[in-house]
């Protein structure tokens, strides 16, 4: 088997991130759940577990799209501009 090249790595599910329809839906659900928790004042309750439950998304998906909780919050701040 030939070694992987840069082009091969670009084709992996992880590197494609949220480019699929289902991926977009999951990512958006996670962002929306987090935004809702912020608006409701549940900031201290925000964790990957609570966000995944609220978004009805499998917990591993949160780790797939976001390195840590800070990166999730930064994404929301960037979207709000």
C-alpha atoms as a PDB file:
ATOM      1  CA  UNK A   1       0.000   0.000   0.000  1.00  0.00           C
ATOM      2  CA  UNK A   2       1.365   3.421  -0.960  1.00  0.00           C
ATOM      3  CA  UNK A   3       1.938   6.044   1.742  1.00  0.00           C
ATOM      4  CA  UNK A   4      -0.724   8.691   2.172  1.00  0.00           C
ATOM      5  CA  UNK A   5      -0.174  11.979   0.399  1.00  0.00           C
ATOM      6  CA  UNK A   6      -1.509  15.421   1.238  1.00  0.00           C
ATOM      7  CA  UNK A   7      -4.404  14.874  -1.168  1.00  0.00           C
ATOM      8  CA  UNK A   8      -5.306  11.598   0.529  1.00  0.00           C
ATOM      9  CA  UNK A   9      -5.392  13.290   3.907  1.00  0.00           C
ATOM     10  CA  UNK A  10      -7.753  15.950   2.598  1.00  0.00           C
ATOM     11  CA  UNK A  11     -10.269  13.216   1.784  1.00  0.00           C
ATOM     12  CA  UNK A  12     -10.615  11.914   5.342  1.00  0.00           C
ATOM     13  CA  UNK A  13     -13.880  12.473   7.190  1.00  0.00           C
ATOM     14  CA  UNK A  14     -12.139  14.350   9.987  1.00  0.00           C
ATOM     15  CA  UNK A  15     -10.375  16.774   7.692  1.00  0.00           C
ATOM     16  CA  UNK A  16     -13.545  17.444   5.723  1.00  0.00           C
ATOM     17  CA  UNK A  17     -15.142  18.511   9.006  1.00  0.00           C
ATOM     18  CA  UNK A  18     -18.621  19.849   8.573  1.00  0.00           C
ATOM     19  CA  UNK A  19     -18.713  19.909   4.761  1.00  0.00           C
ATOM     20  CA  UNK A  20     -21.422  17.273   4.548  1.00  0.00           C
ATOM     21  CA  UNK A  21     -25.099  18.042   5.000  1.00  0.00           C
ATOM     22  CA  UNK A  22     -25.296  15.959   8.174  1.00  0.00           C
ATOM     23  CA  UNK A  23     -22.088  17.552   9.403  1.00  0.00           C
ATOM     24  CA  UNK A  24     -23.480  21.030   8.835  1.00  0.00           C
ATOM     25  CA  UNK A  25     -26.653  20.093  10.692  1.00  0.00           C
ATOM     26  CA  UNK A  26     -24.754  18.709  13.664  1.00  0.00           C
ATOM     27  CA  UNK A  27     -22.377  21.645  13.855  1.00  0.00           C
ATOM     28  CA  UNK A  28     -25.267  24.116  13.613  1.00  0.00           C
ATOM     29  CA  UNK A  29     -27.227  22.219  16.270  1.00  0.00           C
ATOM     30  CA  UNK A  30     -24.237  22.392  18.610  1.00  0.00           C
ATOM     31  CA  UNK A  31     -23.765  26.109  18.007  1.00  0.00           C
ATOM     32  CA  UNK A  32     -27.478  26.830  18.431  1.00  0.00           C
ATOM     33  CA  UNK A  33     -27.679  24.816  21.646  1.00  0.00           C
ATOM     34  CA  UNK A  34     -24.726  26.718  23.063  1.00  0.00           C
ATOM     35  CA  UNK A  35     -26.185  30.074  22.016  1.00  0.00           C
ATOM     36  CA  UNK A  36     -29.484  29.169  23.654  1.00  0.00           C
ATOM     37  CA  UNK A  37     -27.732  28.254  26.888  1.00  0.00           C
ATOM     38  CA  UNK A  38     -25.901  31.588  26.850  1.00  0.00           C
ATOM     39  CA  UNK A  39     -29.109  33.552  26.216  1.00  0.00           C
ATOM     40  CA  UNK A  40     -30.898  31.703  29.029  1.00  0.00           C
ATOM     41  CA  UNK A  41     -28.051  32.519  31.400  1.00  0.00           C
ATOM     42  CA  UNK A  42     -26.924  28.914  31.738  1.00  0.00           C
ATOM     43  CA  UNK A  43     -23.297  29.815  31.043  1.00  0.00           C
ATOM     44  CA  UNK A  44     -21.942  27.951  34.062  1.00  0.00           C
ATOM     45  CA  UNK A  45     -23.759  24.819  32.844  1.00  0.00           C
ATOM     46  CA  UNK A  46     -22.083  24.797  29.422  1.00  0.00           C
ATOM     47  CA  UNK A  47     -19.991  21.695  28.838  1.00  0.00           C
ATOM     48  CA  UNK A  48     -19.556  19.357  25.911  1.00  0.00           C
ATOM     49  CA  UNK A  49     -21.925  16.914  27.591  1.00  0.00           C
ATOM     50  CA  UNK A  50     -24.712  19.452  28.193  1.00  0.00           C
ATOM     51  CA  UNK A  51     -24.349  20.973  24.729  1.00  0.00           C
ATOM     52  CA  UNK A  52     -24.485  17.541  23.061  1.00  0.00           C
ATOM     53  CA  UNK A  53     -27.595  16.603  25.030  1.00  0.00           C
ATOM     54  CA  UNK A  54     -29.344  19.883  24.276  1.00  0.00           C
ATOM     55  CA  UNK A  55     -28.432  19.619  20.579  1.00  0.00           C
ATOM     56  CA  UNK A  56     -29.429  15.932  20.498  1.00  0.00           C
ATOM     57  CA  UNK A  57     -26.089  15.140  18.898  1.00  0.00           C
ATOM     58  CA  UNK A  58     -23.741  12.291  19.858  1.00  0.00           C
ATOM     59  CA  UNK A  59     -21.057  13.439  22.295  1.00  0.00           C
ATOM     60  CA  UNK A  60     -18.159  12.384  20.018  1.00  0.00           C
ATOM     61  CA  UNK A  61     -19.465  14.846  17.412  1.00  0.00           C
ATOM     62  CA  UNK A  62     -18.722  17.743  19.747  1.00  0.00           C
ATOM     63  CA  UNK A  63     -15.105  16.646  19.971  1.00  0.00           C
ATOM     64  CA  UNK A  64     -15.015  16.208  16.212  1.00  0.00           C
ATOM     65  CA  UNK A  65     -15.962  19.816  15.485  1.00  0.00           C
ATOM     66  CA  UNK A  66     -14.436  21.586  18.470  1.00  0.00           C
ATOM     67  CA  UNK A  67     -11.044  21.064  20.092  1.00  0.00           C
ATOM     68  CA  UNK A  68     -12.268  22.367  23.435  1.00  0.00           C
ATOM     69  CA  UNK A  69     -14.995  24.478  25.004  1.00  0.00           C
ATOM     70  CA  UNK A  70     -13.071  27.655  24.280  1.00  0.00           C
ATOM     71  CA  UNK A  71     -13.025  26.905  20.545  1.00  0.00           C
ATOM     72  CA  UNK A  72     -16.810  26.425  20.626  1.00  0.00           C
ATOM     73  CA  UNK A  73     -17.317  29.805  22.318  1.00  0.00           C
ATOM     74  CA  UNK A  74     -14.864  31.500  19.940  1.00  0.00           C
ATOM     75  CA  UNK A  75     -16.832  30.137  16.958  1.00  0.00           C
ATOM     76  CA  UNK A  76     -20.020  31.671  18.358  1.00  0.00           C
ATOM     77  CA  UNK A  77     -18.334  35.031  18.956  1.00  0.00           C
ATOM     78  CA  UNK A  78     -16.941  34.988  15.402  1.00  0.00           C
ATOM     79  CA  UNK A  79     -20.397  34.237  13.978  1.00  0.00           C
ATOM     80  CA  UNK A  80     -21.894  37.148  15.894  1.00  0.00           C
ATOM     81  CA  UNK A  81     -19.205  39.350  14.401  1.00  0.00           C
END
